[in-house]
Amino acid sequence: MPVISMFYGIIVRMFYFDTDMHQAPHIHVQYAEESAVIGLPNGELLEGTLKSSKMTLLQAWLEIHRDELMADWQLAVEGQPVFKIEPLR
């Protein structure tokens, strides 16, 4: 599962061919011991937990990179390499 971005301790990943459990586009996020699945493009929490302060940062990053995330999702479901996305600064 490729890491597509890391910022403020948040690790964002996207699996290849990951449409079985969550058919909608999504990312996997980890911060410390917490992990969550976040829906794209609107950023809803699909599974898991994430501190509210980290969720706020993630939501800001999602807003900035929505188009890139959706393009990466399309590549990932086709099994193609995904692109790294600029971290939140």
PDB file of N, CA and C in Angstrom:
ATOM      1  N   MET A   1       0.851  -1.164   0.000  1.00  0.00           N
ATOM      2  CA  MET A   1       0.000   0.000   0.000  1.00  0.00           C
ATOM      3  C   MET A   1       0.898   1.229   0.000  1.00  0.00           C
ATOM      4  N   PRO A   2       0.884   1.974  -1.077  1.00  0.00           N
ATOM      5  CA  PRO A   2       1.761   3.132  -1.180  1.00  0.00           C
ATOM      6  C   PRO A   2       1.383   4.283  -0.239  1.00  0.00           C
ATOM      7  N   VAL A   3       2.391   4.886   0.346  1.00  0.00           N
ATOM      8  CA  VAL A   3       2.203   6.113   1.107  1.00  0.00           C
ATOM      9  C   VAL A   3       2.168   7.242   0.086  1.00  0.00           C
ATOM     10  N   ILE A   4       1.081   8.012   0.086  1.00  0.00           N
ATOM     11  CA  ILE A   4       0.989   9.100  -0.887  1.00  0.00           C
ATOM     12  C   ILE A   4       1.317  10.454  -0.276  1.00  0.00           C
ATOM     13  N   SER A   5       1.271  10.553   1.068  1.00  0.00           N
ATOM     14  CA  SER A   5       1.653  11.801   1.715  1.00  0.00           C
ATOM     15  C   SER A   5       1.844  11.570   3.215  1.00  0.00           C
ATOM     16  N   MET A   6       2.656  12.445   3.824  1.00  0.00           N
ATOM     17  CA  MET A   6       2.865  12.436   5.276  1.00  0.00           C
ATOM     18  C   MET A   6       3.003  13.877   5.736  1.00  0.00           C
ATOM     19  N   PHE A   7       2.289  14.232   6.791  1.00  0.00           N
ATOM     20  CA  PHE A   7       2.398  15.573   7.355  1.00  0.00           C
ATOM     21  C   PHE A   7       1.882  15.573   8.789  1.00  0.00           C
ATOM     22  N   TYR A   8       2.568  16.299   9.653  1.00  0.00           N
ATOM     23  CA  TYR A   8       2.190  16.448  11.054  1.00  0.00           C
ATOM     24  C   TYR A   8       1.913  15.110  11.742  1.00  0.00           C
ATOM     25  N   GLY A   9       2.681  14.100  11.397  1.00  0.00           N
ATOM     26  CA  GLY A   9       2.508  12.774  11.988  1.00  0.00           C
ATOM     27  C   GLY A   9       1.425  11.932  11.352  1.00  0.00           C
ATOM     28  N   ILE A  10       0.727  12.474  10.375  1.00  0.00           N
ATOM     29  CA  ILE A  10      -0.350  11.757   9.681  1.00  0.00           C
ATOM     30  C   ILE A  10       0.237  11.066   8.458  1.00  0.00           C
ATOM     31  N   ILE A  11      -0.038   9.792   8.306  1.00  0.00           N
ATOM     32  CA  ILE A  11       0.414   9.018   7.142  1.00  0.00           C
ATOM     33  C   ILE A  11      -0.817   8.675   6.315  1.00  0.00           C
ATOM     34  N   VAL A  12      -0.769   9.032   5.030  1.00  0.00           N
ATOM     35  CA  VAL A  12      -1.904   8.802   4.127  1.00  0.00           C
ATOM     36  C   VAL A  12      -1.493   7.751   3.106  1.00  0.00           C
ATOM     37  N   ARG A  13      -2.295   6.686   3.014  1.00  0.00           N
ATOM     38  CA  ARG A  13      -2.016   5.583   2.090  1.00  0.00           C
ATOM     39  C   ARG A  13      -3.224   5.324   1.196  1.00  0.00           C
ATOM     40  N   MET A  14      -2.931   4.662   0.075  1.00  0.00           N
ATOM     41  CA  MET A  14      -3.996   4.244  -0.832  1.00  0.00           C
ATOM     42  C   MET A  14      -3.639   2.845  -1.343  1.00  0.00           C
ATOM     43  N   PHE A  15      -4.548   1.896  -1.129  1.00  0.00           N
ATOM     44  CA  PHE A  15      -4.343   0.521  -1.587  1.00  0.00           C
ATOM     45  C   PHE A  15      -4.622   0.401  -3.086  1.00  0.00           C
ATOM     46  N   TYR A  16      -3.950  -0.570  -3.713  1.00  0.00           N
ATOM     47  CA  TYR A  16      -4.291  -0.937  -5.087  1.00  0.00           C
ATOM     48  C   TYR A  16      -5.490  -1.881  -5.056  1.00  0.00           C
ATOM     49  N   PHE A  17      -6.357  -1.800  -6.043  1.00  0.00           N
ATOM     50  CA  PHE A  17      -7.527  -2.681  -6.193  1.00  0.00           C
ATOM     51  C   PHE A  17      -8.389  -2.724  -4.922  1.00  0.00           C
ATOM     52  N   ASP A  18      -8.526  -1.615  -4.227  1.00  0.00           N
ATOM     53  CA  ASP A  18      -9.193  -1.577  -2.919  1.00  0.00           C
ATOM     54  C   ASP A  18     -10.661  -1.171  -3.046  1.00  0.00           C
ATOM     55  N   THR A  19     -11.459  -2.021  -3.673  1.00  0.00           N
ATOM     56  CA  THR A  19     -12.877  -1.693  -3.854  1.00  0.00           C
ATOM     57  C   THR A  19     -13.814  -2.720  -3.227  1.00  0.00           C
ATOM     58  N   ASP A  20     -13.294  -3.715  -2.539  1.00  0.00           N
ATOM     59  CA  ASP A  20     -14.148  -4.761  -1.966  1.00  0.00           C
ATOM     60  C   ASP A  20     -14.925  -4.293  -0.741  1.00  0.00           C
ATOM     61  N   MET A  21     -14.222  -3.822   0.284  1.00  0.00           N
ATOM     62  CA  MET A  21     -14.880  -3.458   1.537  1.00  0.00           C
ATOM     63  C   MET A  21     -15.598  -2.111   1.433  1.00  0.00           C
ATOM     64  N   HIS A  22     -14.926  -1.129   0.884  1.00  0.00           N
ATOM     65  CA  HIS A  22     -15.502   0.214   0.714  1.00  0.00           C
ATOM     66  C   HIS A  22     -15.508   0.489  -0.780  1.00  0.00           C
ATOM     67  N   GLN A  23     -16.646   0.358  -1.408  1.00  0.00           N
ATOM     68  CA  GLN A  23     -16.715   0.525  -2.859  1.00  0.00           C
ATOM     69  C   GLN A  23     -16.426   1.963  -3.287  1.00  0.00           C
ATOM     70  N   ALA A  24     -16.715   2.922  -2.435  1.00  0.00           N
ATOM     71  CA  ALA A  24     -16.473   4.326  -2.749  1.00  0.00           C
ATOM     72  C   ALA A  24     -14.977   4.646  -2.668  1.00  0.00           C
ATOM     73  N   PRO A  25     -14.529   5.654  -3.390  1.00  0.00           N
ATOM     74  CA  PRO A  25     -13.129   6.079  -3.286  1.00  0.00           C
ATOM     75  C   PRO A  25     -12.794   6.464  -1.848  1.00  0.00           C
ATOM     76  N   HIS A  26     -11.580   6.121  -1.398  1.00  0.00           N
ATOM     77  CA  HIS A  26     -11.186   6.412  -0.019  1.00  0.00           C
ATOM     78  C   HIS A  26      -9.673   6.333   0.151  1.00  0.00           C
ATOM     79  N   ILE A  27      -9.207   6.834   1.286  1.00  0.00           N
ATOM     80  CA  ILE A  27      -7.805   6.731   1.682  1.00  0.00           C
ATOM     81  C   ILE A  27      -7.741   6.089   3.063  1.00  0.00           C
ATOM     82  N   HIS A  28      -6.576   5.564   3.382  1.00  0.00           N
ATOM     83  CA  HIS A  28      -6.316   5.000   4.700  1.00  0.00           C
ATOM     84  C   HIS A  28      -5.358   5.946   5.403  1.00  0.00           C
ATOM     85  N   VAL A  29      -5.706   6.316   6.631  1.00  0.00           N
ATOM     86  CA  VAL A  29      -4.936   7.306   7.368  1.00  0.00           C
ATOM     87  C   VAL A  29      -4.506   6.713   8.699  1.00  0.00           C
ATOM     88  N   GLN A  30      -3.254   7.002   9.088  1.00  0.00           N
ATOM     89  CA  GLN A  30      -2.764   6.558  10.377  1.00  0.00           C
ATOM     90  C   GLN A  30      -2.106   7.727  11.084  1.00  0.00           C
ATOM     91  N   TYR A  31      -2.382   7.841  12.367  1.00  0.00           N
ATOM     92  CA  TYR A  31      -1.713   8.810  13.229  1.00  0.00           C
ATOM     93  C   TYR A  31      -1.467   8.113  14.552  1.00  0.00           C
ATOM     94  N   ALA A  32      -0.208   7.932  14.912  1.00  0.00           N
ATOM     95  CA  ALA A  32       0.158   7.212  16.130  1.00  0.00           C
ATOM     96  C   ALA A  32      -0.539   5.848  16.136  1.00  0.00           C
ATOM     97  N   GLU A  33      -1.337   5.577  17.150  1.00  0.00           N
ATOM     98  CA  GLU A  33      -2.032   4.290  17.259  1.00  0.00           C
ATOM     99  C   GLU A  33      -3.414   4.300  16.612  1.00  0.00           C
ATOM    100  N   GLU A  34      -3.824   5.436  16.107  1.00  0.00           N
ATOM    101  CA  GLU A  34      -5.146   5.548  15.487  1.00  0.00           C
ATOM    102  C   GLU A  34      -5.065   5.276  13.994  1.00  0.00           C
ATOM    103  N   SER A  35      -6.138   4.706  13.466  1.00  0.00           N
ATOM    104  CA  SER A  35      -6.222   4.529  12.019  1.00  0.00           C
ATOM    105  C   SER A  35      -7.668   4.738  11.597  1.00  0.00           C
ATOM    106  N   ALA A  36      -7.820   5.217  10.360  1.00  0.00           N
ATOM    107  CA  ALA A  36      -9.152   5.520   9.861  1.00  0.00           C
ATOM    108  C   ALA A  36      -9.184   5.343   8.355  1.00  0.00           C
ATOM    109  N   VAL A  37     -10.388   5.126   7.854  1.00  0.00           N
ATOM    110  CA  VAL A  37     -10.649   5.116   6.420  1.00  0.00           C
ATOM    111  C   VAL A  37     -11.514   6.338   6.155  1.00  0.00           C
ATOM    112  N   ILE A  38     -11.046   7.177   5.224  1.00  0.00           N
ATOM    113  CA  ILE A  38     -11.699   8.445   4.933  1.00  0.00           C
ATOM    114  C   ILE A  38     -12.203   8.434   3.499  1.00  0.00           C
ATOM    115  N   GLY A  39     -13.482   8.730   3.304  1.00  0.00           N
ATOM    116  CA  GLY A  39     -14.084   8.738   1.977  1.00  0.00           C
ATOM    117  C   GLY A  39     -13.648   9.936   1.156  1.00  0.00           C
ATOM    118  N   LEU A  40     -13.566   9.704  -0.142  1.00  0.00           N
ATOM    119  CA  LEU A  40     -13.256  10.765  -1.098  1.00  0.00           C
ATOM    120  C   LEU A  40     -14.478  10.976  -1.977  1.00  0.00           C
ATOM    121  N   PRO A  41     -14.754  12.139  -2.412  1.00  0.00           N
ATOM    122  CA  PRO A  41     -13.956  13.353  -2.258  1.00  0.00           C
ATOM    123  C   PRO A  41     -14.328  14.202  -1.054  1.00  0.00           C
ATOM    124  N   ASN A  42     -15.373  13.844  -0.291  1.00  0.00           N
ATOM    125  CA  ASN A  42     -15.874  14.756   0.745  1.00  0.00           C
ATOM    126  C   ASN A  42     -15.263  14.583   2.129  1.00  0.00           C
ATOM    127  N   GLY A  43     -14.450  13.563   2.356  1.00  0.00           N
ATOM    128  CA  GLY A  43     -13.722  13.424   3.609  1.00  0.00           C
ATOM    129  C   GLY A  43     -14.482  12.870   4.792  1.00  0.00           C
ATOM    130  N   GLU A  44     -15.557  12.121   4.550  1.00  0.00           N
ATOM    131  CA  GLU A  44     -16.294  11.552   5.682  1.00  0.00           C
ATOM    132  C   GLU A  44     -15.534  10.351   6.261  1.00  0.00           C
ATOM    133  N   LEU A  45     -15.673  10.172   7.568  1.00  0.00           N
ATOM    134  CA  LEU A  45     -15.056   9.048   8.262  1.00  0.00           C
ATOM    135  C   LEU A  45     -15.870   7.795   7.964  1.00  0.00           C
ATOM    136  N   LEU A  46     -15.262   6.822   7.292  1.00  0.00           N
ATOM    137  CA  LEU A  46     -15.960   5.579   6.948  1.00  0.00           C
ATOM    138  C   LEU A  46     -15.735   4.498   7.993  1.00  0.00           C
ATOM    139  N   GLU A  47     -14.569   4.547   8.639  1.00  0.00           N
ATOM    140  CA  GLU A  47     -14.217   3.496   9.597  1.00  0.00           C
ATOM    141  C   GLU A  47     -13.071   3.995  10.457  1.00  0.00           C
ATOM    142  N   GLY A  48     -13.009   3.550  11.710  1.00  0.00           N
ATOM    143  CA  GLY A  48     -11.887   3.857  12.586  1.00  0.00           C
ATOM    144  C   GLY A  48     -12.059   5.160  13.344  1.00  0.00           C
ATOM    145  N   THR A  49     -10.929   5.641  13.885  1.00  0.00           N
ATOM    146  CA  THR A  49     -10.926   6.869  14.664  1.00  0.00           C
ATOM    147  C   THR A  49      -9.710   7.712  14.307  1.00  0.00           C
ATOM    148  N   LEU A  50      -9.863   9.017  14.499  1.00  0.00           N
ATOM    149  CA  LEU A  50      -8.773   9.955  14.280  1.00  0.00           C
ATOM    150  C   LEU A  50      -9.061  11.176  15.152  1.00  0.00           C
ATOM    151  N   LYS A  51      -8.040  11.619  15.912  1.00  0.00           N
ATOM    152  CA  LYS A  51      -8.203  12.796  16.761  1.00  0.00           C
ATOM    153  C   LYS A  51      -8.817  13.938  15.973  1.00  0.00           C
ATOM    154  N   SER A  52      -9.674  14.702  16.618  1.00  0.00           N
ATOM    155  CA  SER A  52     -10.353  15.789  15.908  1.00  0.00           C
ATOM    156  C   SER A  52      -9.361  16.822  15.371  1.00  0.00           C
ATOM    157  N   SER A  53      -8.288  17.094  16.087  1.00  0.00           N
ATOM    158  CA  SER A  53      -7.293  18.054  15.594  1.00  0.00           C
ATOM    159  C   SER A  53      -6.610  17.543  14.331  1.00  0.00           C
ATOM    160  N   LYS A  54      -6.350  16.251  14.264  1.00  0.00           N
ATOM    161  CA  LYS A  54      -5.727  15.659  13.075  1.00  0.00           C
ATOM    162  C   LYS A  54      -6.741  15.554  11.940  1.00  0.00           C
ATOM    163  N   MET A  55      -8.008  15.315  12.271  1.00  0.00           N
ATOM    164  CA  MET A  55      -9.047  15.262  11.249  1.00  0.00           C
ATOM    165  C   MET A  55      -9.206  16.640  10.602  1.00  0.00           C
ATOM    166  N   THR A  56      -9.092  17.691  11.386  1.00  0.00           N
ATOM    167  CA  THR A  56      -9.177  19.052  10.849  1.00  0.00           C
ATOM    168  C   THR A  56      -8.049  19.303   9.852  1.00  0.00           C
ATOM    169  N   LEU A  57      -6.824  18.895  10.210  1.00  0.00           N
ATOM    170  CA  LEU A  57      -5.689  19.042   9.293  1.00  0.00           C
ATOM    171  C   LEU A  57      -5.909  18.217   8.028  1.00  0.00           C
ATOM    172  N   LEU A  58      -6.383  17.006   8.205  1.00  0.00           N
ATOM    173  CA  LEU A  58      -6.629  16.132   7.058  1.00  0.00           C
ATOM    174  C   LEU A  58      -7.705  16.720   6.139  1.00  0.00           C
ATOM    175  N   GLN A  59      -8.762  17.277   6.712  1.00  0.00           N
ATOM    176  CA  GLN A  59      -9.827  17.882   5.909  1.00  0.00           C
ATOM    177  C   GLN A  59      -9.292  19.052   5.080  1.00  0.00           C
ATOM    178  N   ALA A  60      -8.407  19.848   5.668  1.00  0.00           N
ATOM    179  CA  ALA A  60      -7.801  20.967   4.932  1.00  0.00           C
ATOM    180  C   ALA A  60      -6.963  20.442   3.771  1.00  0.00           C
ATOM    181  N   TRP A  61      -6.193  19.394   4.019  1.00  0.00           N
ATOM    182  CA  TRP A  61      -5.358  18.790   2.973  1.00  0.00           C
ATOM    183  C   TRP A  61      -6.231  18.200   1.869  1.00  0.00           C
ATOM    184  N   LEU A  62      -7.312  17.524   2.244  1.00  0.00           N
ATOM    185  CA  LEU A  62      -8.237  16.953   1.259  1.00  0.00           C
ATOM    186  C   LEU A  62      -8.823  18.032   0.354  1.00  0.00           C
ATOM    187  N   GLU A  63      -9.198  19.138   0.948  1.00  0.00           N
ATOM    188  CA  GLU A  63      -9.780  20.244   0.174  1.00  0.00           C
ATOM    189  C   GLU A  63      -8.800  20.758  -0.881  1.00  0.00           C
ATOM    190  N   ILE A  64      -7.551  20.891  -0.496  1.00  0.00           N
ATOM    191  CA  ILE A  64      -6.519  21.406  -1.407  1.00  0.00           C
ATOM    192  C   ILE A  64      -6.205  20.422  -2.530  1.00  0.00           C
ATOM    193  N   HIS A  65      -6.215  19.120  -2.210  1.00  0.00           N
ATOM    194  CA  HIS A  65      -5.729  18.106  -3.146  1.00  0.00           C
ATOM    195  C   HIS A  65      -6.815  17.160  -3.672  1.00  0.00           C
ATOM    196  N   ARG A  66      -8.054  17.599  -3.632  1.00  0.00           N
ATOM    197  CA  ARG A  66      -9.187  16.755  -4.040  1.00  0.00           C
ATOM    198  C   ARG A  66      -9.002  16.141  -5.434  1.00  0.00           C
ATOM    199  N   ASP A  67      -8.644  16.946  -6.415  1.00  0.00           N
ATOM    200  CA  ASP A  67      -8.498  16.442  -7.790  1.00  0.00           C
ATOM    201  C   ASP A  67      -7.360  15.429  -7.903  1.00  0.00           C
ATOM    202  N   GLU A  68      -6.253  15.712  -7.236  1.00  0.00           N
ATOM    203  CA  GLU A  68      -5.117  14.788  -7.266  1.00  0.00           C
ATOM    204  C   GLU A  68      -5.474  13.457  -6.610  1.00  0.00           C
ATOM    205  N   LEU A  69      -6.209  13.521  -5.511  1.00  0.00           N
ATOM    206  CA  LEU A  69      -6.624  12.296  -4.822  1.00  0.00           C
ATOM    207  C   LEU A  69      -7.536  11.445  -5.689  1.00  0.00           C
ATOM    208  N   MET A  70      -8.469  12.088  -6.366  1.00  0.00           N
ATOM    209  CA  MET A  70      -9.373  11.343  -7.233  1.00  0.00           C
ATOM    210  C   MET A  70      -8.623  10.728  -8.417  1.00  0.00           C
ATOM    211  N   ALA A  71      -7.624  11.435  -8.942  1.00  0.00           N
ATOM    212  CA  ALA A  71      -6.809  10.890 -10.027  1.00  0.00           C
ATOM    213  C   ALA A  71      -5.999   9.697  -9.523  1.00  0.00           C
ATOM    214  N   ASP A  72      -5.422   9.807  -8.320  1.00  0.00           N
ATOM    215  CA  ASP A  72      -4.689   8.680  -7.732  1.00  0.00           C
ATOM    216  C   ASP A  72      -5.616   7.491  -7.502  1.00  0.00           C
ATOM    217  N   TRP A  73      -6.850   7.748  -7.054  1.00  0.00           N
ATOM    218  CA  TRP A  73      -7.803   6.661  -6.825  1.00  0.00           C
ATOM    219  C   TRP A  73      -8.042   5.882  -8.121  1.00  0.00           C
ATOM    220  N   GLN A  74      -8.240   6.598  -9.201  1.00  0.00           N
ATOM    221  CA  GLN A  74      -8.482   5.946 -10.486  1.00  0.00           C
ATOM    222  C   GLN A  74      -7.289   5.072 -10.880  1.00  0.00           C
ATOM    223  N   LEU A  75      -6.089   5.581 -10.677  1.00  0.00           N
ATOM    224  CA  LEU A  75      -4.886   4.786 -10.972  1.00  0.00           C
ATOM    225  C   LEU A  75      -4.823   3.550 -10.073  1.00  0.00           C
ATOM    226  N   ALA A  76      -5.081   3.732  -8.785  1.00  0.00           N
ATOM    227  CA  ALA A  76      -4.967   2.633  -7.819  1.00  0.00           C
ATOM    228  C   ALA A  76      -5.948   1.502  -8.117  1.00  0.00           C
ATOM    229  N   VAL A  77      -7.184   1.830  -8.447  1.00  0.00           N
ATOM    230  CA  VAL A  77      -8.158   0.760  -8.713  1.00  0.00           C
ATOM    231  C   VAL A  77      -7.825   0.009 -10.000  1.00  0.00           C
ATOM    232  N   GLU A  78      -7.033   0.635 -10.868  1.00  0.00           N
ATOM    233  CA  GLU A  78      -6.577  -0.033 -12.084  1.00  0.00           C
ATOM    234  C   GLU A  78      -5.239  -0.738 -11.880  1.00  0.00           C
ATOM    235  N   GLY A  79      -4.692  -0.658 -10.655  1.00  0.00           N
ATOM    236  CA  GLY A  79      -3.431  -1.321 -10.347  1.00  0.00           C
ATOM    237  C   GLY A  79      -2.201  -0.593 -10.854  1.00  0.00           C
ATOM    238  N   GLN A  80      -2.358   0.674 -11.209  1.00  0.00           N
ATOM    239  CA  GLN A  80      -1.234   1.455 -11.716  1.00  0.00           C
ATOM    240  C   GLN A  80      -0.576   2.229 -10.574  1.00  0.00           C
ATOM    241  N   PRO A  81       0.695   2.603 -10.738  1.00  0.00           N
ATOM    242  CA  PRO A  81       1.378   3.375  -9.692  1.00  0.00           C
ATOM    243  C   PRO A  81       0.672   4.716  -9.448  1.00  0.00           C
ATOM    244  N   VAL A  82       0.589   5.092  -8.182  1.00  0.00           N
ATOM    245  CA  VAL A  82      -0.018   6.363  -7.809  1.00  0.00           C
ATOM    246  C   VAL A  82       1.071   7.401  -7.582  1.00  0.00           C
ATOM    247  N   PHE A  83       0.678   8.667  -7.620  1.00  0.00           N
ATOM    248  CA  PHE A  83       1.624   9.761  -7.435  1.00  0.00           C
ATOM    249  C   PHE A  83       1.626  10.236  -5.987  1.00  0.00           C
ATOM    250  N   LYS A  84       2.786  10.676  -5.514  1.00  0.00           N
ATOM    251  CA  LYS A  84       2.873  11.318  -4.199  1.00  0.00           C
ATOM    252  C   LYS A  84       2.130  12.647  -4.290  1.00  0.00           C
ATOM    253  N   ILE A  85       1.557  13.058  -3.176  1.00  0.00           N
ATOM    254  CA  ILE A  85       0.830  14.332  -3.112  1.00  0.00           C
ATOM    255  C   ILE A  85       1.502  15.199  -2.052  1.00  0.00           C
ATOM    256  N   GLU A  86       1.676  16.454  -2.397  1.00  0.00           N
ATOM    257  CA  GLU A  86       2.344  17.428  -1.526  1.00  0.00           C
ATOM    258  C   GLU A  86       1.709  17.420  -0.134  1.00  0.00           C
ATOM    259  N   PRO A  87       2.534  17.409   0.912  1.00  0.00           N
ATOM    260  CA  PRO A  87       1.979  17.442   2.266  1.00  0.00           C
ATOM    261  C   PRO A  87       1.419  18.809   2.616  1.00  0.00           C
ATOM    262  N   LEU A  88       0.641  18.853   3.676  1.00  0.00           N
ATOM    263  CA  LEU A  88       0.124  20.109   4.209  1.00  0.00           C
ATOM    264  C   LEU A  88       1.265  20.827   4.900  1.00  0.00           C
ATOM    265  N   ARG A  89       1.428  22.104   4.624  1.00  0.00           N
ATOM    266  CA  ARG A  89       2.524  22.879   5.226  1.00  0.00           C
ATOM    267  C   ARG A  89       1.969  24.013   6.038  1.00  0.00           C
TER     268      ARG A  89
END
